[in-house]
Amino acid sequence: MRVCILSDEDISSFNPGPYIKDFDWKMITMTAPVMDKIRALAESREFDVFLNVCEGYEFEDEEDQQIGYHAIEIVQALEALELPLPVLTQFALIRPVKRCKPLQMQIISAL
């Protein structure tokens, strides 16, 4: 399973590798416009599931105004594009069995 990790951070600031070592993954540092970027990722068909660890921006300076986004925009874009979203618990990574069916879950790996 190929996992797309969506983050505000770059990999030098936050490396999720130790937490997702059993999966084939790539981290994408998100910036605005969120919908356009997530749509492009979805259309690439490179990923099976999208893991959102974004916190959004606080809009403290001019750069934040240009590249920033609110954390909810990530969730809204993923849901609008009907992309598969995993659920993390302290015990396991759970993923949708079918796209767009969040109630049909399967435990795939203990963390």
N, C-alpha and C. Protein backbone atom coordinates (compact mmCIF):
# COMPACT_ATOMS: atom_id res chain seq x y z
N MET A 1 0.86 -1.17 0.00
CA MET A 1 0.00 0.00 0.00
C MET A 1 0.91 1.24 0.00
N ARG A 2 0.62 2.17 -0.89
CA ARG A 2 1.38 3.41 -1.02
C ARG A 2 0.63 4.50 -0.27
N VAL A 3 1.30 5.10 0.74
CA VAL A 3 0.68 6.10 1.61
C VAL A 3 1.23 7.48 1.30
N CYS A 4 0.35 8.44 1.11
CA CYS A 4 0.71 9.84 0.96
C CYS A 4 0.50 10.53 2.30
N ILE A 5 1.59 11.00 2.90
CA ILE A 5 1.49 11.70 4.18
C ILE A 5 1.47 13.20 3.90
N LEU A 6 0.37 13.84 4.24
CA LEU A 6 0.20 15.28 4.03
C LEU A 6 0.60 15.99 5.32
N SER A 7 1.55 16.93 5.22
CA SER A 7 2.06 17.60 6.40
C SER A 7 2.32 19.07 6.12
N ASP A 8 2.36 19.87 7.20
CA ASP A 8 2.79 21.27 7.09
C ASP A 8 4.31 21.36 7.10
N GLU A 9 4.93 20.35 7.66
CA GLU A 9 6.38 20.34 7.87
C GLU A 9 7.09 19.72 6.68
N ASP A 10 8.38 20.03 6.54
CA ASP A 10 9.18 19.28 5.58
C ASP A 10 9.83 18.13 6.34
N ILE A 11 10.37 17.19 5.61
CA ILE A 11 10.87 15.97 6.24
C ILE A 11 12.04 16.22 7.18
N SER A 12 12.76 17.32 7.00
CA SER A 12 13.86 17.62 7.92
C SER A 12 13.35 18.07 9.29
N SER A 13 12.12 18.59 9.34
CA SER A 13 11.52 19.01 10.60
C SER A 13 10.70 17.91 11.27
N PHE A 14 10.11 17.05 10.46
CA PHE A 14 9.29 15.96 10.97
C PHE A 14 9.43 14.76 10.04
N ASN A 15 10.04 13.70 10.53
CA ASN A 15 10.21 12.49 9.74
C ASN A 15 9.29 11.40 10.30
N PRO A 16 8.23 11.06 9.56
CA PRO A 16 7.29 10.04 10.06
C PRO A 16 7.78 8.61 9.86
N GLY A 17 8.95 8.44 9.26
CA GLY A 17 9.47 7.12 8.95
C GLY A 17 9.39 6.09 10.05
N PRO A 18 9.82 6.42 11.27
CA PRO A 18 9.77 5.40 12.33
C PRO A 18 8.35 4.94 12.67
N TYR A 19 7.36 5.75 12.36
CA TYR A 19 5.98 5.43 12.72
C TYR A 19 5.24 4.67 11.62
N ILE A 20 5.79 4.67 10.42
CA ILE A 20 5.10 4.08 9.28
C ILE A 20 6.06 3.22 8.46
N LYS A 21 7.02 2.62 9.14
CA LYS A 21 8.12 1.90 8.50
C LYS A 21 7.69 0.68 7.70
N ASP A 22 6.54 0.11 7.97
CA ASP A 22 6.10 -1.07 7.25
C ASP A 22 5.35 -0.75 5.95
N PHE A 23 5.28 0.53 5.60
CA PHE A 23 4.54 0.93 4.42
C PHE A 23 5.43 1.66 3.43
N ASP A 24 5.03 1.63 2.18
CA ASP A 24 5.67 2.43 1.13
C ASP A 24 5.00 3.80 1.21
N TRP A 25 5.77 4.86 1.51
CA TRP A 25 5.16 6.16 1.76
C TRP A 25 5.99 7.28 1.17
N LYS A 26 5.33 8.42 1.02
CA LYS A 26 5.97 9.65 0.58
C LYS A 26 5.30 10.79 1.33
N MET A 27 6.11 11.72 1.82
CA MET A 27 5.57 12.87 2.54
C MET A 27 5.49 14.07 1.60
N ILE A 28 4.36 14.73 1.61
CA ILE A 28 4.11 15.92 0.81
C ILE A 28 3.89 17.09 1.76
N THR A 29 4.70 18.14 1.60
CA THR A 29 4.52 19.35 2.41
C THR A 29 3.47 20.22 1.72
N MET A 30 2.36 20.41 2.40
CA MET A 30 1.23 21.12 1.81
C MET A 30 1.38 22.64 1.90
N THR A 31 0.90 23.30 0.87
CA THR A 31 0.73 24.75 0.83
C THR A 31 -0.56 25.03 0.06
N ALA A 32 -1.04 26.25 0.15
CA ALA A 32 -2.23 26.64 -0.61
C ALA A 32 -1.84 26.74 -2.09
N PRO A 33 -2.75 26.52 -2.98
CA PRO A 33 -4.16 26.15 -2.82
C PRO A 33 -4.32 24.64 -2.57
N VAL A 34 -4.94 24.30 -1.49
CA VAL A 34 -5.06 22.93 -1.03
C VAL A 34 -5.79 22.04 -2.02
N MET A 35 -6.97 22.44 -2.47
CA MET A 35 -7.77 21.60 -3.36
C MET A 35 -6.99 21.27 -4.63
N ASP A 36 -6.33 22.23 -5.22
CA ASP A 36 -5.56 21.99 -6.45
C ASP A 36 -4.46 20.98 -6.22
N LYS A 37 -3.75 21.10 -5.11
CA LYS A 37 -2.63 20.19 -4.83
C LYS A 37 -3.13 18.77 -4.55
N ILE A 38 -4.18 18.64 -3.77
CA ILE A 38 -4.69 17.31 -3.47
C ILE A 38 -5.32 16.68 -4.70
N ARG A 39 -5.99 17.47 -5.51
CA ARG A 39 -6.56 16.94 -6.75
C ARG A 39 -5.45 16.40 -7.65
N ALA A 40 -4.35 17.13 -7.77
CA ALA A 40 -3.22 16.68 -8.60
C ALA A 40 -2.63 15.37 -8.04
N LEU A 41 -2.52 15.28 -6.72
CA LEU A 41 -2.03 14.04 -6.12
C LEU A 41 -2.97 12.87 -6.41
N ALA A 42 -4.26 13.11 -6.30
CA ALA A 42 -5.25 12.07 -6.57
C ALA A 42 -5.20 11.63 -8.03
N GLU A 43 -5.11 12.59 -8.92
CA GLU A 43 -5.09 12.28 -10.35
C GLU A 43 -3.82 11.53 -10.75
N SER A 44 -2.75 11.67 -9.98
CA SER A 44 -1.52 10.94 -10.29
C SER A 44 -1.67 9.44 -10.05
N ARG A 45 -2.65 9.07 -9.24
CA ARG A 45 -2.91 7.67 -8.88
C ARG A 45 -1.67 6.97 -8.30
N GLU A 46 -0.82 7.76 -7.69
CA GLU A 46 0.41 7.24 -7.09
C GLU A 46 0.15 6.63 -5.71
N PHE A 47 -0.97 7.04 -5.05
CA PHE A 47 -1.21 6.65 -3.67
C PHE A 47 -2.50 5.88 -3.50
N ASP A 48 -2.47 4.96 -2.53
CA ASP A 48 -3.66 4.18 -2.20
C ASP A 48 -4.47 4.83 -1.08
N VAL A 49 -3.77 5.58 -0.22
CA VAL A 49 -4.43 6.19 0.93
C VAL A 49 -3.69 7.48 1.30
N PHE A 50 -4.42 8.42 1.87
CA PHE A 50 -3.88 9.72 2.26
C PHE A 50 -3.96 9.86 3.77
N LEU A 51 -2.82 10.16 4.39
CA LEU A 51 -2.75 10.34 5.84
C LEU A 51 -2.50 11.81 6.12
N ASN A 52 -3.44 12.46 6.77
CA ASN A 52 -3.37 13.90 7.04
C ASN A 52 -2.80 14.14 8.43
N VAL A 53 -1.62 14.78 8.50
CA VAL A 53 -1.06 15.20 9.79
C VAL A 53 -0.88 16.72 9.81
N CYS A 54 -1.58 17.41 8.95
CA CYS A 54 -1.48 18.88 8.85
C CYS A 54 -2.15 19.57 10.03
N GLU A 55 -1.53 20.64 10.48
CA GLU A 55 -2.11 21.47 11.53
C GLU A 55 -2.61 22.80 11.02
N GLY A 56 -2.24 23.17 9.80
CA GLY A 56 -2.62 24.46 9.25
C GLY A 56 -1.68 25.56 9.69
N TYR A 57 -1.94 26.75 9.22
CA TYR A 57 -1.08 27.91 9.50
C TYR A 57 -1.77 28.86 10.45
N GLU A 58 -0.98 29.68 11.14
CA GLU A 58 -1.53 30.67 12.05
C GLU A 58 -1.65 32.04 11.41
N PHE A 59 -1.21 32.19 10.19
CA PHE A 59 -1.32 33.45 9.43
C PHE A 59 -0.71 34.62 10.19
N GLU A 60 0.58 34.47 10.52
CA GLU A 60 1.29 35.48 11.30
C GLU A 60 2.03 36.49 10.44
N ASP A 61 2.32 36.15 9.20
CA ASP A 61 3.10 37.07 8.36
C ASP A 61 2.65 36.97 6.90
N GLU A 62 3.28 37.74 6.04
CA GLU A 62 2.90 37.81 4.62
C GLU A 62 3.05 36.45 3.93
N GLU A 63 4.11 35.72 4.25
CA GLU A 63 4.31 34.41 3.63
C GLU A 63 3.15 33.47 3.97
N ASP A 64 2.71 33.48 5.21
CA ASP A 64 1.57 32.65 5.61
C ASP A 64 0.32 33.02 4.82
N GLN A 65 0.15 34.30 4.53
CA GLN A 65 -1.01 34.73 3.75
C GLN A 65 -0.97 34.15 2.33
N GLN A 66 0.23 33.96 1.79
CA GLN A 66 0.38 33.46 0.42
C GLN A 66 0.30 31.94 0.32
N ILE A 67 0.96 31.22 1.25
CA ILE A 67 1.01 29.77 1.14
C ILE A 67 0.18 29.05 2.20
N GLY A 68 -0.35 29.79 3.17
CA GLY A 68 -1.06 29.19 4.29
C GLY A 68 -2.44 28.67 3.95
N TYR A 69 -2.94 27.85 4.83
CA TYR A 69 -4.28 27.29 4.71
C TYR A 69 -4.74 26.90 6.11
N HIS A 70 -6.02 26.72 6.27
CA HIS A 70 -6.58 26.24 7.53
C HIS A 70 -6.61 24.71 7.49
N ALA A 71 -6.35 24.08 8.60
CA ALA A 71 -6.25 22.62 8.66
C ALA A 71 -7.50 21.94 8.11
N ILE A 72 -8.67 22.51 8.35
CA ILE A 72 -9.92 21.90 7.89
C ILE A 72 -9.98 21.81 6.36
N GLU A 73 -9.25 22.67 5.67
CA GLU A 73 -9.25 22.64 4.20
C GLU A 73 -8.72 21.32 3.67
N ILE A 74 -7.77 20.72 4.37
CA ILE A 74 -7.22 19.42 3.94
C ILE A 74 -8.31 18.36 4.02
N VAL A 75 -8.98 18.29 5.16
CA VAL A 75 -10.05 17.31 5.35
C VAL A 75 -11.17 17.54 4.34
N GLN A 76 -11.56 18.78 4.14
CA GLN A 76 -12.63 19.08 3.19
C GLN A 76 -12.25 18.64 1.77
N ALA A 77 -11.01 18.88 1.38
CA ALA A 77 -10.57 18.48 0.03
C ALA A 77 -10.54 16.96 -0.10
N LEU A 78 -10.00 16.26 0.89
CA LEU A 78 -9.97 14.80 0.83
C LEU A 78 -11.37 14.22 0.75
N GLU A 79 -12.28 14.78 1.53
CA GLU A 79 -13.66 14.29 1.51
C GLU A 79 -14.36 14.64 0.20
N ALA A 80 -14.15 15.86 -0.29
CA ALA A 80 -14.80 16.28 -1.55
C ALA A 80 -14.34 15.42 -2.72
N LEU A 81 -13.08 15.01 -2.70
CA LEU A 81 -12.54 14.18 -3.77
C LEU A 81 -12.74 12.69 -3.50
N GLU A 82 -13.41 12.38 -2.38
CA GLU A 82 -13.74 11.01 -2.00
C GLU A 82 -12.51 10.11 -1.97
N LEU A 83 -11.45 10.61 -1.33
CA LEU A 83 -10.21 9.85 -1.23
C LEU A 83 -10.19 9.02 0.05
N PRO A 84 -9.53 7.88 0.02
CA PRO A 84 -9.49 7.01 1.20
C PRO A 84 -8.64 7.61 2.32
N LEU A 85 -9.21 7.60 3.52
CA LEU A 85 -8.55 8.18 4.70
C LEU A 85 -8.38 7.10 5.75
N PRO A 86 -7.16 6.88 6.24
CA PRO A 86 -6.99 5.92 7.33
C PRO A 86 -7.34 6.55 8.66
N VAL A 87 -7.49 5.73 9.65
CA VAL A 87 -7.69 6.17 11.02
C VAL A 87 -6.53 5.61 11.83
N LEU A 88 -5.87 6.46 12.59
CA LEU A 88 -4.78 5.99 13.44
C LEU A 88 -5.25 5.87 14.88
N THR A 89 -4.91 4.78 15.48
CA THR A 89 -5.11 4.62 16.91
C THR A 89 -3.74 4.29 17.50
N GLN A 90 -3.64 4.19 18.79
CA GLN A 90 -2.34 3.85 19.36
C GLN A 90 -1.99 2.39 19.10
N PHE A 91 -2.93 1.60 18.63
CA PHE A 91 -2.70 0.18 18.43
C PHE A 91 -2.53 -0.23 16.97
N ALA A 92 -3.17 0.47 16.05
CA ALA A 92 -3.15 -0.01 14.66
C ALA A 92 -3.48 1.10 13.68
N LEU A 93 -3.04 0.89 12.46
CA LEU A 93 -3.46 1.72 11.34
C LEU A 93 -4.64 1.01 10.71
N ILE A 94 -5.74 1.71 10.59
CA ILE A 94 -6.95 1.13 10.04
C ILE A 94 -7.25 1.86 8.74
N ARG A 95 -7.60 1.12 7.71
CA ARG A 95 -7.85 1.78 6.43
C ARG A 95 -9.21 1.38 5.88
N PRO A 96 -9.77 2.22 5.02
CA PRO A 96 -11.03 1.84 4.36
C PRO A 96 -10.79 0.66 3.43
N VAL A 97 -11.72 -0.28 3.41
CA VAL A 97 -11.63 -1.40 2.48
C VAL A 97 -11.98 -0.91 1.09
N LYS A 98 -12.97 -0.04 0.99
CA LYS A 98 -13.37 0.53 -0.30
C LYS A 98 -13.27 2.04 -0.21
N ARG A 99 -12.99 2.67 -1.33
CA ARG A 99 -12.94 4.13 -1.38
C ARG A 99 -14.31 4.68 -0.99
N CYS A 100 -14.30 5.77 -0.25
CA CYS A 100 -15.51 6.52 0.09
C CYS A 100 -16.45 5.77 1.02
N LYS A 101 -16.02 4.73 1.64
CA LYS A 101 -16.85 3.99 2.57
C LYS A 101 -16.15 3.95 3.92
N PRO A 102 -16.12 5.08 4.63
CA PRO A 102 -15.34 5.15 5.87
C PRO A 102 -15.81 4.19 6.95
N LEU A 103 -17.02 3.65 6.86
CA LEU A 103 -17.49 2.74 7.90
C LEU A 103 -17.00 1.31 7.67
N GLN A 104 -16.54 1.01 6.47
CA GLN A 104 -16.01 -0.31 6.19
C GLN A 104 -14.50 -0.27 6.39
N MET A 105 -14.05 -0.71 7.55
CA MET A 105 -12.62 -0.61 7.88
C MET A 105 -12.01 -1.99 8.06
N GLN A 106 -10.72 -2.03 7.90
CA GLN A 106 -9.97 -3.25 8.11
C GLN A 106 -8.68 -2.90 8.82
N ILE A 107 -8.33 -3.60 9.88
CA ILE A 107 -7.05 -3.37 10.54
C ILE A 107 -5.98 -4.02 9.69
N ILE A 108 -4.94 -3.22 9.34
CA ILE A 108 -3.93 -3.76 8.44
C ILE A 108 -2.56 -3.91 9.07
N SER A 109 -2.28 -3.23 10.17
CA SER A 109 -0.96 -3.36 10.75
C SER A 109 -0.94 -2.81 12.16
N ALA A 110 -0.29 -3.50 13.06
CA ALA A 110 -0.06 -2.97 14.40
C ALA A 110 1.10 -1.99 14.32
N LEU A 111 1.02 -0.90 15.05
CA LEU A 111 2.11 0.09 15.06
C LEU A 111 3.18 -0.31 16.04
